[in-house]
């Protein structure tokens, strides 16, 4: 499955994700857990389409894709944006 969001929207979400990550020098454990859940449920193909890059590089712990600063948050924001897109389509 790939994302249904436009490249412009994905770029905005990436910017928002980096801004959220910059608020703290530490990784938000809730964001990390939610992003792992999204990777399990939606798959790495979806995540790669959201982040607009290859995810073949793996982290040293757990075999998850290596995510750069703000990408955890960008995945969460993209999931929320897609659900909102579905809600708007359903009520139109």
Protein backbone atom coordinates (compact mmCIF):
# COMPACT_ATOMS: atom_id res chain seq x y z
CA UNK A 1 0.00 0.00 0.00
CA UNK A 2 1.23 3.48 -0.85
CA UNK A 3 0.15 6.84 0.52
CA UNK A 4 -2.67 8.78 -1.08
CA UNK A 5 -1.26 12.15 -0.02
CA UNK A 6 0.23 14.55 -2.55
CA UNK A 7 3.98 15.24 -2.63
CA UNK A 8 3.29 18.82 -1.53
CA UNK A 9 1.37 17.60 1.52
CA UNK A 10 4.13 15.10 2.32
CA UNK A 11 6.74 17.87 2.17
CA UNK A 12 4.66 19.96 4.59
CA UNK A 13 4.28 17.00 6.94
CA UNK A 14 8.03 16.33 6.83
CA UNK A 15 8.67 19.95 7.81
CA UNK A 16 6.15 19.70 10.65
CA UNK A 17 7.72 16.42 11.79
CA UNK A 18 11.19 17.96 11.97
CA UNK A 19 9.77 20.94 13.90
CA UNK A 20 8.09 18.61 16.41
CA UNK A 21 11.27 16.57 16.85
CA UNK A 22 13.33 19.72 17.40
CA UNK A 23 11.31 20.61 20.48
CA UNK A 24 13.24 18.06 22.53
CA UNK A 25 16.76 16.61 22.39
CA UNK A 26 15.30 13.18 23.18
CA UNK A 27 13.19 10.80 21.10
CA UNK A 28 9.55 10.84 22.17
CA UNK A 29 8.81 7.27 23.31
CA UNK A 30 5.13 7.65 22.39
CA UNK A 31 6.07 8.70 18.85
CA UNK A 32 8.50 5.78 18.59
CA UNK A 33 5.84 3.29 19.70
CA UNK A 34 3.21 4.77 17.38
CA UNK A 35 5.58 4.73 14.40
CA UNK A 36 6.45 1.06 15.05
CA UNK A 37 2.73 0.30 15.17
CA UNK A 38 2.23 2.11 11.84
CA UNK A 39 5.13 0.19 10.27
CA UNK A 40 3.56 -3.09 11.40
CA UNK A 41 0.03 -2.18 10.29
CA UNK A 42 0.63 -0.18 7.11
CA UNK A 43 3.97 -1.64 6.06
CA UNK A 44 7.31 -0.32 4.99
CA UNK A 45 6.13 0.36 1.44
CA UNK A 46 3.64 2.88 2.82
CA UNK A 47 6.29 4.43 5.07
CA UNK A 48 8.75 4.68 2.18
CA UNK A 49 6.12 6.42 0.06
CA UNK A 50 5.36 8.86 2.90
CA UNK A 51 9.03 9.63 3.54
CA UNK A 52 9.79 9.62 -0.20
CA UNK A 53 12.95 7.56 0.23
CA UNK A 54 14.26 4.00 0.36
CA UNK A 55 14.02 2.34 3.78
CA UNK A 56 16.42 -0.55 3.20
CA UNK A 57 18.92 0.77 5.79
CA UNK A 58 18.16 -0.93 9.10
CA UNK A 59 18.58 0.23 12.68
CA UNK A 60 20.93 -1.69 14.91
CA UNK A 61 18.17 -2.65 17.32
CA UNK A 62 15.18 -4.69 16.28
CA UNK A 63 15.68 -4.61 12.52
CA UNK A 64 13.39 -1.60 12.02
CA UNK A 65 14.10 0.87 9.22
CA UNK A 66 16.56 3.61 10.07
CA UNK A 67 14.56 6.81 10.54
CA UNK A 68 16.04 10.27 10.51
CA UNK A 69 15.10 13.09 12.89
CA UNK A 70 11.46 14.05 12.46
CA UNK A 71 10.51 11.00 10.41
CA UNK A 72 8.78 9.27 13.33
CA UNK A 73 6.57 12.31 13.67
CA UNK A 74 6.08 12.62 9.89
CA UNK A 75 4.72 9.07 9.73
CA UNK A 76 2.24 9.82 12.49
CA UNK A 77 1.18 13.07 10.83
CA UNK A 78 0.73 11.32 7.48
CA UNK A 79 -1.43 8.62 9.06
CA UNK A 80 -3.61 11.30 10.66
CA UNK A 81 -3.82 13.25 7.37
CA UNK A 82 -4.91 10.16 5.45
CA UNK A 83 -7.64 9.40 7.97
CA UNK A 84 -8.85 13.00 7.74
CA UNK A 85 -8.84 12.71 3.95
CA UNK A 86 -11.02 9.58 4.20
CA UNK A 87 -13.39 11.30 6.62
CA UNK A 88 -13.81 14.28 4.28
CA UNK A 89 -14.48 11.97 1.34
CA UNK A 90 -17.05 10.00 3.32
CA UNK A 91 -18.99 13.10 4.36
CA UNK A 92 -18.90 14.77 0.93
